[in-house]
Amino acid sequence: MHKYLIKRALNKHYKRNVRDKRFLNLKDMQTILVLFDTKNTEEITVFINQLKQLKKKVTVYAYKDKDDETDYSRTNYRIITAKETDDLFQKKLREIVHELENEQFDAVIDLTIQRNLPLEYLLAHINATIKVGLKKNDFPQYDLSITTIPELEKDSLKVRELAKQIIHYLQTIQESE
C-alpha cells in the first residue's frame, strides 16, 4: 500500500509539475546533488571525489535499507533510512523535501541501479537545472537518461559504469540556448 501511494503521488507530481530545464555541460555545473544507495558507498565515494577535484560543490543524499548495519556517522552524507521513510503518509520524505526546497542545484545525478521510491520521491521534488540517471521506470524523471549499461555481475560494477557514462555524457553536452 505504501509503495502504491508514493507511485501515485509521483504520477500526480509529474503530470502537473513544470520546471525550467536546460542541458548543462559538466564544466558549467557548480552545484551537484548526488543520490545513491549506501550499498554502493565505495563506488560512489570515488565518483564524488572526482567531482570535488573538478571544484564542484557536491551534496550527497544516500538511502540506507533495513539490511545495512554500517555506521555512516563519519561521512558528510545525508543518510535516509528505510525505517524513517517507511511511513504511510510520507512524513519524513516531506520533511526532507522541505529541507531541499530552498536549494538550487545545477544538476542532480541519481546513481541508483534499482528502483528506490524514497529517492525517486526526492528526485521529483528537487529543484535542478538538469537531472541525470539510469532509466528505471516510465516517469519523466530525467532530462538525460542512460537507458542501458553493459550487463555486469555486481551492482557496484554497474554503478561504476553508470558513473563513467554520466561523466562522459555531461562532458560532451553542448549547452542549449
Protein backbone atom coordinates (compact mmCIF):
# COMPACT_ATOMS: atom_id res chain seq x y z
CA MET A 1 0.00 0.00 0.00
CA HIS A 2 2.80 2.41 0.95
CA LYS A 3 4.60 1.94 -2.37
CA TYR A 4 1.35 2.39 -4.24
CA LEU A 5 0.77 5.76 -2.55
CA ILE A 6 4.26 7.00 -3.40
CA LYS A 7 3.91 5.91 -7.03
CA ARG A 8 0.54 7.65 -7.20
CA ALA A 9 1.99 10.83 -5.69
CA LEU A 10 4.86 10.71 -8.19
CA ASN A 11 2.50 10.24 -11.11
CA LYS A 12 0.42 13.22 -9.97
CA HIS A 13 3.53 15.35 -9.45
CA TYR A 14 4.93 14.68 -12.93
CA LYS A 15 1.60 15.44 -14.59
CA ARG A 16 1.34 18.91 -13.07
CA ASN A 17 4.96 19.89 -12.45
CA VAL A 18 6.69 22.23 -14.86
CA ARG A 19 10.28 23.26 -14.27
CA ASP A 20 12.89 25.19 -16.19
CA LYS A 21 15.27 22.57 -17.59
CA ARG A 22 18.44 23.02 -19.58
CA PHE A 23 21.22 20.75 -20.67
CA LEU A 24 24.43 21.78 -18.96
CA ASN A 25 27.97 20.70 -19.66
CA LEU A 26 29.85 19.35 -16.64
CA LYS A 27 32.28 22.26 -16.72
CA ASP A 28 29.37 24.72 -16.37
CA MET A 29 27.96 23.00 -13.29
CA GLN A 30 28.85 24.40 -9.90
CA THR A 31 26.43 22.63 -7.53
CA ILE A 32 25.58 18.95 -7.83
CA LEU A 33 23.33 16.73 -5.75
CA VAL A 34 24.17 13.01 -5.83
CA LEU A 35 21.60 10.36 -4.86
CA PHE A 36 22.58 6.72 -4.24
CA ASP A 37 22.06 3.54 -2.23
CA THR A 38 24.53 3.08 0.64
CA LYS A 39 25.37 -0.44 -0.53
CA ASN A 40 27.41 1.26 -3.27
CA THR A 41 29.25 3.70 -1.00
CA GLU A 42 32.77 2.75 -2.12
CA GLU A 43 32.00 3.26 -5.80
CA ILE A 44 30.14 6.49 -5.11
CA THR A 45 32.94 7.89 -2.96
CA VAL A 46 35.30 7.62 -5.94
CA PHE A 47 32.75 9.44 -8.11
CA ILE A 48 32.16 12.18 -5.51
CA ASN A 49 35.90 12.73 -5.09
CA GLN A 50 36.22 13.04 -8.88
CA LEU A 51 33.55 15.77 -8.86
CA LYS A 52 35.23 17.56 -5.96
CA GLN A 53 38.57 17.51 -7.82
CA LEU A 54 36.75 19.34 -10.60
CA LYS A 55 35.89 22.03 -8.00
CA LYS A 56 32.19 21.14 -7.81
CA LYS A 57 30.15 21.73 -4.67
CA VAL A 58 28.68 18.27 -4.03
CA THR A 59 25.75 17.49 -1.75
CA VAL A 60 25.01 13.83 -1.10
CA TYR A 61 21.83 12.05 -0.03
CA ALA A 62 22.07 8.29 0.43
CA TYR A 63 19.41 5.68 1.12
CA LYS A 64 20.20 3.02 3.74
CA ASP A 65 18.00 -0.07 3.56
CA LYS A 66 16.93 -2.20 6.52
CA ASP A 67 19.69 -4.80 5.99
CA ASP A 68 22.55 -2.28 6.04
CA GLU A 69 24.07 -2.11 9.52
CA THR A 70 27.05 0.06 8.61
CA ASP A 71 27.61 3.21 10.63
CA TYR A 72 27.77 6.22 8.30
CA SER A 73 28.08 8.83 11.05
CA ARG A 74 31.61 9.74 9.95
CA THR A 75 30.53 10.62 6.43
CA ASN A 76 29.17 14.00 5.50
CA TYR A 77 26.37 12.35 3.54
CA ARG A 78 22.74 12.86 4.50
CA ILE A 79 21.57 9.32 5.24
CA ILE A 80 17.91 8.48 4.71
CA THR A 81 16.96 5.19 6.34
CA ALA A 82 14.33 2.71 5.25
CA LYS A 83 12.89 2.83 8.75
CA GLU A 84 12.25 6.57 8.66
CA THR A 85 10.78 6.55 5.14
CA ASP A 86 8.54 3.52 5.67
CA ASP A 87 5.69 5.83 6.61
CA LEU A 88 2.30 5.58 5.00
CA PHE A 89 1.93 9.38 4.99
CA GLN A 90 5.46 10.10 3.73
CA LYS A 91 6.09 12.46 6.68
CA LYS A 92 9.88 12.06 6.69
CA LEU A 93 10.11 12.36 2.91
CA ARG A 94 8.14 15.59 3.04
CA GLU A 95 10.47 16.92 5.75
CA ILE A 96 13.48 16.16 3.58
CA VAL A 97 11.83 17.80 0.56
CA HIS A 98 11.20 20.84 2.76
CA GLU A 99 14.94 20.87 3.67
CA LEU A 100 15.79 20.96 -0.03
CA GLU A 101 13.11 23.44 -1.14
CA ASN A 102 15.34 26.48 -0.98
CA GLU A 103 18.31 24.75 -2.55
CA GLN A 104 19.05 25.25 -6.23
CA PHE A 105 21.26 22.66 -7.86
CA ASP A 106 22.75 22.82 -11.33
CA ALA A 107 22.43 19.05 -11.54
CA VAL A 108 21.05 16.04 -9.76
CA ILE A 109 22.84 12.79 -10.50
CA ASP A 110 20.96 9.67 -9.49
CA LEU A 111 23.30 6.70 -9.23
CA THR A 112 20.75 4.12 -8.14
CA ILE A 113 20.56 0.95 -10.20
CA GLN A 114 17.27 -0.45 -8.90
CA ARG A 115 14.06 1.46 -8.24
CA ASN A 116 14.18 3.29 -4.94
CA LEU A 117 10.87 5.01 -4.27
CA PRO A 118 12.06 7.31 -1.45
CA LEU A 119 14.90 8.63 -3.63
CA GLU A 120 12.55 8.87 -6.63
CA TYR A 121 10.23 10.98 -4.48
CA LEU A 122 13.11 13.31 -3.55
CA LEU A 123 14.29 13.47 -7.15
CA ALA A 124 10.85 14.54 -8.30
CA HIS A 125 10.75 17.44 -5.85
CA ILE A 126 14.32 18.73 -6.13
CA ASN A 127 14.87 21.99 -7.98
CA ALA A 128 17.67 21.41 -10.51
CA THR A 129 18.52 22.60 -13.99
CA ILE A 130 19.30 19.07 -15.21
CA LYS A 131 18.54 15.64 -13.77
CA VAL A 132 20.54 12.61 -14.87
CA GLY A 133 20.25 8.90 -14.12
CA LEU A 134 19.54 5.35 -15.24
CA LYS A 135 16.03 4.93 -16.65
CA LYS A 136 14.19 2.52 -14.35
CA ASN A 137 10.51 3.35 -14.94
CA ASP A 138 8.12 5.29 -17.14
CA PHE A 139 8.17 8.54 -15.15
CA PRO A 140 9.83 11.52 -16.88
CA GLN A 141 12.37 11.80 -14.07
CA TYR A 142 15.47 12.65 -16.01
CA ASP A 143 16.43 15.17 -18.63
CA LEU A 144 19.31 12.90 -19.60
CA SER A 145 18.51 9.19 -19.22
CA ILE A 146 21.01 6.40 -19.52
CA THR A 147 18.89 3.55 -20.86
CA THR A 148 21.34 0.67 -20.90
CA ILE A 149 24.62 -0.23 -19.35
CA PRO A 150 26.64 -3.33 -20.12
CA GLU A 151 25.43 -6.38 -18.24
CA LEU A 152 27.87 -6.81 -15.40
CA GLU A 153 27.76 -9.23 -12.49
CA LYS A 154 27.67 -6.88 -9.50
CA ASP A 155 25.66 -3.74 -8.79
CA SER A 156 28.84 -1.96 -7.69
CA LEU A 157 30.36 -2.57 -11.12
CA LYS A 158 27.17 -1.28 -12.73
CA VAL A 159 27.34 1.83 -10.56
CA ARG A 160 30.95 2.41 -11.61
CA GLU A 161 30.00 2.04 -15.28
CA LEU A 162 26.93 4.26 -14.84
CA ALA A 163 29.05 6.96 -13.19
CA LYS A 164 31.58 6.76 -16.06
CA GLN A 165 28.84 7.10 -18.67
CA ILE A 166 27.23 10.03 -16.88
CA ILE A 167 30.55 11.89 -16.68
CA HIS A 168 31.18 11.15 -20.37
CA TYR A 169 27.77 12.46 -21.48
CA LEU A 170 27.92 15.52 -19.23
CA GLN A 171 31.32 16.41 -20.67
CA THR A 172 30.06 16.16 -24.26
CA ILE A 173 26.83 18.14 -23.88
CA GLN A 174 26.70 21.39 -25.80
CA GLU A 175 24.63 23.85 -23.77
CA SER A 176 21.33 24.66 -25.43
CA GLU A 177 20.23 28.27 -25.55
